[in-house]
């Protein structure tokens, strides 16, 4: 079982997720209007 590194950065109304898995980085940037 391979552990992946998940980092969540919250800025204003946006949440940036950096997913690093086996040396492959996936950057997802999406709006979160319901974020408290």
N, C-alpha and C. Protein backbone atom coordinates (compact mmCIF):
# COMPACT_ATOMS: atom_id res chain seq x y z
N UNK A 1 0.85 -1.20 0.00
CA UNK A 1 0.00 0.00 0.00
C UNK A 1 0.88 1.24 0.00
N UNK A 2 0.65 2.08 -0.97
CA UNK A 2 1.47 3.29 -1.11
C UNK A 2 0.77 4.49 -0.51
N UNK A 3 1.48 5.19 0.36
CA UNK A 3 0.90 6.39 0.96
C UNK A 3 1.12 7.59 0.07
N UNK A 4 0.08 8.38 -0.12
CA UNK A 4 0.21 9.58 -0.94
C UNK A 4 0.21 10.81 -0.04
N UNK A 5 0.91 11.84 -0.49
CA UNK A 5 0.99 13.05 0.30
C UNK A 5 -0.10 14.03 -0.15
N UNK A 6 -0.95 14.39 0.79
CA UNK A 6 -2.04 15.30 0.45
C UNK A 6 -1.93 16.58 1.26
N UNK A 7 -1.81 17.70 0.55
CA UNK A 7 -1.73 18.98 1.23
C UNK A 7 -2.87 19.88 0.76
N UNK A 8 -3.58 20.45 1.71
CA UNK A 8 -4.71 21.31 1.36
C UNK A 8 -4.44 22.74 1.80
N UNK A 9 -4.43 23.65 0.83
CA UNK A 9 -4.22 25.05 1.14
C UNK A 9 -5.51 25.82 0.89
N UNK A 10 -5.96 26.55 1.89
CA UNK A 10 -7.20 27.31 1.75
C UNK A 10 -6.91 28.81 1.66
N UNK A 11 -7.32 29.40 0.54
CA UNK A 11 -7.11 30.84 0.37
C UNK A 11 -8.41 31.50 -0.05
N UNK A 12 -8.92 32.38 0.77
CA UNK A 12 -10.17 33.08 0.49
C UNK A 12 -11.29 32.09 0.20
N UNK A 13 -11.82 32.09 -1.04
CA UNK A 13 -12.92 31.19 -1.38
C UNK A 13 -12.44 30.03 -2.23
N UNK A 14 -11.13 29.79 -2.21
CA UNK A 14 -10.60 28.71 -3.03
C UNK A 14 -9.80 27.72 -2.21
N UNK A 15 -9.85 26.47 -2.62
CA UNK A 15 -9.09 25.44 -1.93
C UNK A 15 -8.13 24.78 -2.93
N UNK A 16 -6.85 24.83 -2.63
CA UNK A 16 -5.87 24.26 -3.53
C UNK A 16 -5.35 22.94 -2.97
N UNK A 17 -5.47 21.90 -3.74
CA UNK A 17 -5.02 20.59 -3.27
C UNK A 17 -3.82 20.11 -4.08
N UNK A 18 -2.73 19.84 -3.38
CA UNK A 18 -1.55 19.29 -4.03
C UNK A 18 -1.45 17.80 -3.70
N UNK A 19 -1.67 16.99 -4.71
CA UNK A 19 -1.63 15.55 -4.48
C UNK A 19 -0.40 14.95 -5.14
N UNK A 20 0.51 14.46 -4.32
CA UNK A 20 1.72 13.85 -4.85
C UNK A 20 1.66 12.34 -4.68
N UNK A 21 1.70 11.63 -5.78
CA UNK A 21 1.59 10.18 -5.74
C UNK A 21 2.61 9.53 -6.68
N UNK A 22 3.52 8.79 -6.09
CA UNK A 22 4.57 8.12 -6.86
C UNK A 22 5.34 9.09 -7.74
N UNK A 23 5.62 10.28 -7.22
CA UNK A 23 6.40 11.25 -7.98
C UNK A 23 5.54 12.04 -8.96
N UNK A 24 4.25 11.70 -9.05
CA UNK A 24 3.37 12.42 -9.97
C UNK A 24 2.50 13.39 -9.19
N UNK A 25 2.59 14.67 -9.57
CA UNK A 25 1.85 15.68 -8.82
C UNK A 25 0.58 16.10 -9.57
N UNK A 26 -0.50 16.10 -8.84
CA UNK A 26 -1.77 16.54 -9.43
C UNK A 26 -2.24 17.79 -8.70
N UNK A 27 -2.41 18.87 -9.45
CA UNK A 27 -2.82 20.12 -8.85
C UNK A 27 -4.28 20.41 -9.21
N UNK A 28 -5.10 20.49 -8.19
CA UNK A 28 -6.52 20.79 -8.44
C UNK A 28 -6.88 22.09 -7.73
N UNK A 29 -7.53 22.97 -8.47
CA UNK A 29 -7.90 24.28 -7.92
C UNK A 29 -9.36 24.54 -8.23
N UNK A 30 -10.17 24.52 -7.19
CA UNK A 30 -11.60 24.70 -7.40
C UNK A 30 -12.20 25.59 -6.31
N UNK A 31 -13.30 26.29 -6.64
CA UNK A 31 -13.95 27.22 -5.70
C UNK A 31 -14.71 26.50 -4.59
N UNK A 32 -14.66 27.08 -3.40
CA UNK A 32 -15.41 26.53 -2.27
C UNK A 32 -16.21 27.65 -1.60
N UNK A 33 -17.35 27.96 -2.15
CA UNK A 33 -18.17 29.06 -1.65
C UNK A 33 -18.79 28.75 -0.29
N UNK A 34 -18.91 27.47 0.02
CA UNK A 34 -19.53 27.07 1.29
C UNK A 34 -18.50 26.86 2.38
N UNK A 35 -17.30 27.33 2.14
CA UNK A 35 -16.24 27.14 3.12
C UNK A 35 -16.40 28.13 4.27
N UNK A 36 -16.47 27.62 5.50
CA UNK A 36 -16.67 28.47 6.67
C UNK A 36 -15.46 29.35 6.97
